[in-house]
Protein backbone atom coordinates (compact mmCIF):
# COMPACT_ATOMS: atom_id res chain seq x y z
CA MET A 1 -34.27 -6.30 -2.04
CA SER A 2 -35.00 -2.82 -2.29
CA TYR A 3 -32.45 -0.64 -0.35
CA TRP A 4 -29.56 -0.36 -2.99
CA ASN A 5 -29.28 2.49 -5.20
CA GLN A 6 -29.20 5.37 -2.62
CA THR A 7 -25.42 6.66 -1.96
CA SER A 8 -25.07 9.65 -0.41
CA PHE A 9 -25.69 10.30 3.40
CA GLN A 10 -24.61 13.17 5.63
CA GLY A 11 -24.14 10.71 8.89
CA LEU A 12 -25.25 6.92 10.01
CA ALA A 13 -28.08 8.29 11.10
CA ALA A 14 -29.38 9.45 7.77
CA ILE A 15 -28.35 5.87 6.35
CA ALA A 16 -30.50 4.46 9.42
CA SER A 17 -33.53 6.41 8.47
CA TYR A 18 -32.61 5.67 5.14
CA LEU A 19 -32.72 1.66 6.29
CA ALA A 20 -35.80 1.82 9.07
CA SER A 21 -38.25 0.08 6.28
CA GLN A 22 -36.27 -2.76 5.87
CA PRO A 23 -37.58 -5.36 8.36
CA ALA A 24 -33.72 -7.83 8.13
CA LEU A 25 -31.69 -4.37 7.84
CA HIS A 26 -33.86 -3.81 11.71
CA GLU A 27 -30.10 -4.46 13.76
CA PHE A 28 -28.06 -2.76 11.31
CA ALA A 29 -30.08 0.00 11.69
CA GLN A 30 -30.19 0.20 15.06
CA TYR A 31 -26.01 0.21 15.06
CA CYS A 32 -26.02 2.70 12.41
CA LEU A 33 -27.90 4.55 15.21
CA TYR A 34 -26.28 3.75 18.22
CA ARG A 35 -23.26 4.95 17.01
CA GLU A 36 -24.12 7.86 15.67
CA LYS A 37 -25.11 8.43 19.59
CA GLY A 38 -21.84 7.61 20.84
CA LEU A 39 -23.14 4.69 22.54
CA ARG A 40 -20.69 2.44 22.09
CA LYS A 41 -21.87 -0.63 24.12
CA GLN A 42 -25.45 -0.81 22.54
CA ALA A 43 -23.93 -0.45 18.98
CA LEU A 44 -22.01 -3.76 18.58
CA MET A 45 -24.81 -5.71 21.04
CA ALA A 46 -27.17 -4.40 17.66
CA LEU A 47 -24.43 -5.28 15.08
CA ASP A 48 -23.59 -8.98 17.17
CA ARG A 49 -27.45 -9.24 16.16
CA PHE A 50 -26.95 -8.47 12.86
CA ILE A 51 -24.45 -10.43 11.93
CA MET A 52 -25.98 -14.13 13.96
CA GLU A 53 -29.28 -12.75 11.78
CA VAL A 54 -26.88 -12.77 8.34
CA THR A 55 -25.35 -15.82 8.74
CA ASP A 56 -28.27 -17.31 7.63
CA TRP A 57 -28.81 -15.44 4.78
CA SER A 58 -28.91 -16.65 1.44
CA PHE A 59 -25.17 -15.81 -0.82
CA ASP A 60 -26.81 -13.79 -3.33
CA GLU A 61 -28.30 -11.74 -0.32
CA ARG A 62 -24.96 -11.44 1.65
CA ARG A 63 -23.30 -11.07 -1.85
CA GLU A 64 -25.91 -8.01 -2.48
CA LEU A 65 -25.03 -6.35 0.98
CA VAL A 66 -21.92 -6.56 0.81
CA ASP A 67 -21.80 -4.49 -2.47
CA TRP A 68 -24.31 -1.81 -0.88
CA LEU A 69 -21.90 -1.69 2.11
CA LEU A 70 -18.46 -1.02 0.77
CA ARG A 71 -19.55 1.43 -2.33
CA THR A 72 -21.80 3.39 0.63
CA GLU A 73 -18.42 3.88 2.79
CA TYR A 74 -16.33 4.57 -0.52
CA GLU A 75 -18.66 7.17 -1.43
CA ASN A 76 -18.94 8.56 1.68
CA PRO A 77 -15.46 9.02 3.30
CA SER A 78 -17.01 11.51 6.05
CA ILE A 79 -18.94 8.94 7.57
CA HIS A 80 -17.34 6.83 10.45
CA GLN A 81 -17.90 3.62 11.38
CA LEU A 82 -20.10 2.08 9.33
CA ILE A 83 -18.32 -1.00 9.12
CA ALA A 84 -16.88 -1.79 12.02
CA HIS A 85 -14.39 -4.51 12.48
CA PRO A 86 -16.90 -7.51 13.57
CA LEU A 87 -18.59 -6.98 10.06
CA ARG A 88 -15.48 -7.22 8.05
CA GLU A 89 -13.88 -10.01 9.59
CA GLN A 90 -17.28 -12.13 9.40
CA VAL A 91 -19.34 -11.13 7.28
CA ILE A 92 -18.00 -8.99 4.29
CA LEU A 93 -14.19 -10.55 3.58
CA PRO A 94 -15.67 -14.00 4.32
CA THR A 95 -18.31 -13.42 1.35
CA LEU A 96 -16.12 -11.80 -0.48
CA GLU A 97 -14.01 -14.89 -0.24
CA GLU A 98 -16.92 -16.65 -1.14
CA TRP A 99 -17.79 -14.96 -4.38
CA ILE A 100 -14.82 -15.27 -5.54
CA GLN A 101 -14.80 -18.87 -5.57
CA ARG A 102 -18.08 -18.74 -6.70
CA TYR A 103 -17.36 -16.33 -9.92
CA PRO A 104 -13.67 -16.02 -10.04
CA HIS A 105 -13.92 -13.99 -13.00
CA ASP A 106 -16.20 -11.31 -11.59
CA PRO A 107 -13.86 -7.99 -10.93
CA VAL A 108 -16.49 -6.77 -8.36
CA PRO A 109 -15.30 -8.94 -5.35
CA LEU A 110 -11.28 -8.52 -5.96
CA ARG A 111 -12.18 -4.87 -6.59
CA TRP A 112 -13.23 -5.06 -2.92
CA ARG A 113 -11.13 -7.14 -1.30
CA GLY A 114 -8.06 -5.48 -3.17
CA MET A 115 -8.98 -2.19 -1.50
CA ILE A 116 -10.17 -3.06 1.52
CA VAL A 117 -7.20 -5.54 2.37
CA HIS A 118 -4.86 -2.95 0.84
CA ASP A 119 -3.91 -5.89 -1.56
CA GLN A 120 -2.50 -4.62 -5.02
CA ALA A 121 -2.73 -8.36 -6.47
CA SER A 122 -6.14 -8.48 -6.30
CA LEU A 123 -6.80 -4.93 -7.88
CA GLU A 124 -4.48 -5.14 -11.01
CA LYS A 125 -6.55 -8.97 -11.45
CA ALA A 126 -9.50 -6.52 -11.34
CA VAL A 127 -8.79 -4.56 -14.17
CA ALA A 128 -7.10 -8.03 -16.45
CA LEU A 129 -10.68 -9.02 -15.97
CA ASP A 130 -12.89 -6.09 -16.59
CA PRO A 131 -10.52 -3.13 -18.21
CA HIS A 132 -13.04 -0.89 -17.42
CA GLU A 133 -13.46 -1.55 -14.15
CA VAL A 134 -12.79 2.53 -13.12
CA LEU A 135 -13.12 2.02 -9.52
CA ALA A 136 -10.22 -0.32 -9.29
CA ARG A 137 -8.31 1.75 -11.35
CA VAL A 138 -8.75 5.29 -9.35
CA VAL A 139 -7.36 2.99 -6.92
CA LEU A 140 -4.11 1.96 -7.78
CA PHE A 141 -3.78 5.49 -9.18
CA GLY A 142 -4.88 6.38 -5.91
CA TRP A 143 -1.79 4.86 -3.87
CA LEU A 144 0.79 5.26 -6.43
CA VAL A 145 -0.02 9.26 -6.30
CA TRP A 146 0.77 8.51 -3.12
CA ASN A 147 3.94 7.49 -3.34
CA ILE A 148 5.19 10.13 -5.27
CA GLU A 149 4.07 12.38 -2.58
CA TYR A 150 4.83 10.96 0.68
CA ALA A 151 8.55 11.30 -1.67
CA THR A 152 7.99 14.45 -2.07
CA HIS A 153 6.13 15.34 1.26
CA HIS A 154 9.87 16.62 3.35
CA LEU A 155 10.56 19.09 0.33
CA PRO A 156 12.09 21.85 0.33
CA ASP A 157 14.45 20.46 2.85
CA THR A 158 15.36 16.68 1.73
CA PHE A 159 13.61 14.48 -1.26
CA LEU A 160 12.61 10.80 0.57
CA GLY A 161 14.03 7.67 -1.94
CA ASP A 162 15.05 8.22 -5.78
CA PRO A 163 13.01 10.24 -7.70
CA ALA A 164 13.66 7.50 -10.97
CA ASP A 165 11.08 5.53 -8.42
CA CYS A 166 8.56 8.38 -8.68
CA ILE A 167 8.70 8.96 -12.18
CA ARG A 168 8.15 5.57 -12.78
CA TRP A 169 4.95 5.15 -10.17
CA ALA A 170 4.32 8.44 -12.52
CA GLU A 171 4.45 5.90 -15.90
CA GLN A 172 2.56 3.18 -14.39
CA ALA A 173 -0.63 5.38 -12.72
CA ARG A 174 -0.78 7.08 -16.05
CA ALA A 175 -1.37 3.95 -17.73
CA TYR A 176 -4.62 3.32 -15.17
CA LEU A 177 -5.80 6.63 -16.69
CA THR A 178 -7.01 4.77 -20.35
CA GLU A 179 -9.95 3.40 -20.24
CA LEU A 180 -11.93 5.73 -17.12
CA PRO A 181 -14.83 8.71 -18.44
CA THR A 182 -13.00 11.34 -20.00
CA GLU A 183 -13.39 13.85 -17.56
CA GLU A 184 -12.42 11.61 -14.37
CA LYS A 185 -9.17 11.14 -16.85
CA GLN A 186 -8.08 14.58 -17.13
CA ARG A 187 -9.07 15.39 -13.39
CA LEU A 188 -6.30 12.47 -12.22
CA GLU A 189 -4.08 13.80 -14.51
CA GLU A 190 -4.31 17.24 -13.26
CA GLU A 191 -3.53 15.65 -10.18
CA LEU A 192 -0.66 13.49 -11.29
CA GLN A 193 0.99 16.24 -12.60
CA GLU A 194 1.12 18.05 -9.36
CA ALA A 195 1.86 15.67 -7.66
CA MET A 196 5.47 15.64 -9.92
CA ALA A 197 5.96 18.69 -10.36
CA PRO A 198 8.21 18.61 -7.04
CA VAL A 199 9.88 16.13 -8.56
CA HIS A 200 10.80 17.23 -11.86
CA ASP A 201 12.02 20.67 -10.17
CA TRP A 202 14.25 18.27 -7.88
CA LEU A 203 15.82 16.77 -10.74
CA ALA A 204 16.12 20.14 -12.61
CA PHE A 205 17.36 21.26 -8.92
CA LEU A 206 19.89 18.81 -9.40
CA GLU A 207 21.40 19.25 -12.90
CA GLU A 208 21.77 22.20 -12.71
CA GLY A 209 23.87 21.54 -9.22
CA GLY A 210 22.30 23.60 -6.80
CA THR A 211 23.33 23.45 -3.54
CA ASP A 212 20.09 24.85 -2.05
CA PHE A 213 16.57 23.94 -3.10
CA ALA A 214 14.63 25.98 -0.63
CA ALA A 215 16.62 28.90 -2.61
CA TRP A 216 16.29 27.72 -5.84
CA CYS A 217 12.48 27.47 -5.24
CA LYS A 218 11.72 30.41 -4.14
CA GLN A 219 13.38 32.29 -6.96
CA ARG A 220 11.62 30.83 -9.18
CA GLY A 221 8.09 31.19 -7.40
CA ARG A 222 7.76 26.94 -6.22
CA ASN A 223 6.09 26.96 -2.57
CA TYR A 224 6.77 23.56 -1.55
CA VAL A 225 5.71 23.66 2.22
């Protein structure tokens, strides 16, 4: 197989065109074309045919397919419906489980499984197996930052939860930045600092005994809307 190195697409039609020269992926290419055109029934029929074909593939062929599908979906977030529920349940998840069973020390299937079922333990295990597992680190970091942003998204009106949790999440997030490439680390550190800014302001506001956080923010040029 020779179709696993392209990762940047503008839409499902582009993926279909890219895979057009691969006979083994004809039905999946058809699925993408039908989905792009909004022909859901025809798309799912093509997908069913593809799934039936894939069940006869070797483990290595299915593993390569799953790895490509999940990376393509991750690296092309603007493309929707690439992986439909039947493909996820009947091909991707079973292949990942088999992959984990066959190669328990490989972080890749644990990373993908953790991402698609939102299982923190799988991602943490992937990082433990390979400290240089960048993608798992980035995803874990992102989940922690999301927790912080959720806690602060109603400011200046109210703070959701406990600021101490945000501090703990920030410490955990920063720990995941180790082993990342320098440029990526700097970008994510800035993202973390931005997420934590309202937390620090809220704590300073409480420390000063303030009664109106909106007014406190306005005086200091903060804008948490």
